[in-house]
């Protein structure tokens, strides 16, 4: 084996190594992009769910307030008829 052959093999090995490094880097970048996209989608979904939950809580608070007013009205009309509704 001559020194020229060694340099040829070394050059080929360096090219293959560089190609593998590039493939791995590209794969990692693509994987990171996919995970980033997934994380953004999950955050958007979580934000929507939080907004829905806030709206449900507001509605529940209004319903509870209306319920208290109705119970007060009904018990003021004839409290003896509604013993189980006293708050």
Protein backbone atom coordinates (compact mmCIF):
# COMPACT_ATOMS: atom_id res chain seq x y z
CA UNK A 1 0.00 0.00 0.00
CA UNK A 2 1.43 3.33 -1.01
CA UNK A 3 1.08 6.67 0.74
CA UNK A 4 -1.13 7.82 -2.12
CA UNK A 5 -3.50 4.96 -1.39
CA UNK A 6 -3.58 5.92 2.28
CA UNK A 7 -4.42 9.51 1.43
CA UNK A 8 -7.15 8.28 -0.91
CA UNK A 9 -8.66 6.08 1.81
CA UNK A 10 -8.34 8.84 4.36
CA UNK A 11 -10.08 11.27 2.00
CA UNK A 12 -12.88 8.77 1.37
CA UNK A 13 -13.24 8.09 5.10
CA UNK A 14 -13.34 11.83 5.81
CA UNK A 15 -16.02 12.31 3.14
CA UNK A 16 -18.13 9.47 4.53
CA UNK A 17 -17.72 10.78 8.07
CA UNK A 18 -18.70 14.30 6.98
CA UNK A 19 -21.74 12.93 5.16
CA UNK A 20 -22.82 10.97 8.23
CA UNK A 21 -22.37 14.04 10.43
CA UNK A 22 -24.50 16.07 8.01
CA UNK A 23 -27.21 13.39 7.90
CA UNK A 24 -27.28 13.20 11.69
CA UNK A 25 -27.40 17.01 12.04
CA UNK A 26 -30.21 17.23 9.48
CA UNK A 27 -32.15 14.51 11.31
CA UNK A 28 -31.72 16.30 14.63
CA UNK A 29 -32.81 19.62 13.13
CA UNK A 30 -35.86 18.01 11.54
CA UNK A 31 -36.71 16.20 14.77
CA UNK A 32 -36.36 19.43 16.74
CA UNK A 33 -38.64 21.16 14.24
CA UNK A 34 -41.27 18.45 14.57
CA UNK A 35 -41.14 18.59 18.37
CA UNK A 36 -41.29 22.38 18.32
CA UNK A 37 -44.36 22.26 16.09
CA UNK A 38 -45.96 19.68 18.36
CA UNK A 39 -45.21 21.78 21.44
CA UNK A 40 -46.74 24.86 19.82
CA UNK A 41 -49.85 22.88 18.86
CA UNK A 42 -50.20 21.54 22.41
CA UNK A 43 -49.78 25.05 23.85
CA UNK A 44 -52.49 26.37 21.53
CA UNK A 45 -54.78 23.54 22.61
CA UNK A 46 -54.03 24.19 26.27
CA UNK A 47 -54.75 27.90 25.79
CA UNK A 48 -58.11 27.08 24.16
CA UNK A 49 -58.97 24.65 26.93
CA UNK A 50 -58.04 27.25 29.57
CA UNK A 51 -60.25 29.81 27.83
CA UNK A 52 -63.12 27.31 27.75
CA UNK A 53 -62.59 26.51 31.43
CA UNK A 54 -62.63 30.20 32.34
CA UNK A 55 -65.89 30.64 30.42
CA UNK A 56 -67.43 27.62 32.18
CA UNK A 57 -66.41 29.01 35.58
CA UNK A 58 -67.99 32.38 34.74
CA UNK A 59 -71.21 30.69 33.62
CA UNK A 60 -71.27 28.57 36.76
CA UNK A 61 -70.81 31.65 38.94
CA UNK A 62 -73.74 33.34 37.15
CA UNK A 63 -75.94 30.24 37.53
CA UNK A 64 -75.09 30.00 41.24
CA UNK A 65 -75.93 33.69 41.73
CA UNK A 66 -79.22 33.27 39.88
CA UNK A 67 -79.98 30.16 41.91
CA UNK A 68 -79.40 32.04 45.17
CA UNK A 69 -81.73 34.82 44.00
CA UNK A 70 -84.41 32.32 43.02
CA UNK A 71 -84.15 30.49 46.34
CA UNK A 72 -84.41 33.82 48.16
CA UNK A 73 -87.48 34.77 46.13
CA UNK A 74 -89.17 31.41 46.63
CA UNK A 75 -88.49 31.22 50.34
CA UNK A 76 -89.75 34.79 50.80
CA UNK A 77 -93.04 33.80 49.17
CA UNK A 78 -93.74 30.74 51.33
CA UNK A 79 -90.76 29.47 53.33
CA UNK A 80 -92.76 26.58 54.79
CA UNK A 81 -93.21 25.05 51.36
CA UNK A 82 -89.46 24.84 50.71
CA UNK A 83 -87.69 23.56 53.83
CA UNK A 84 -85.04 21.65 51.86
CA UNK A 85 -83.91 24.72 49.86
CA UNK A 86 -82.72 26.91 52.72
CA UNK A 87 -79.20 28.09 51.99
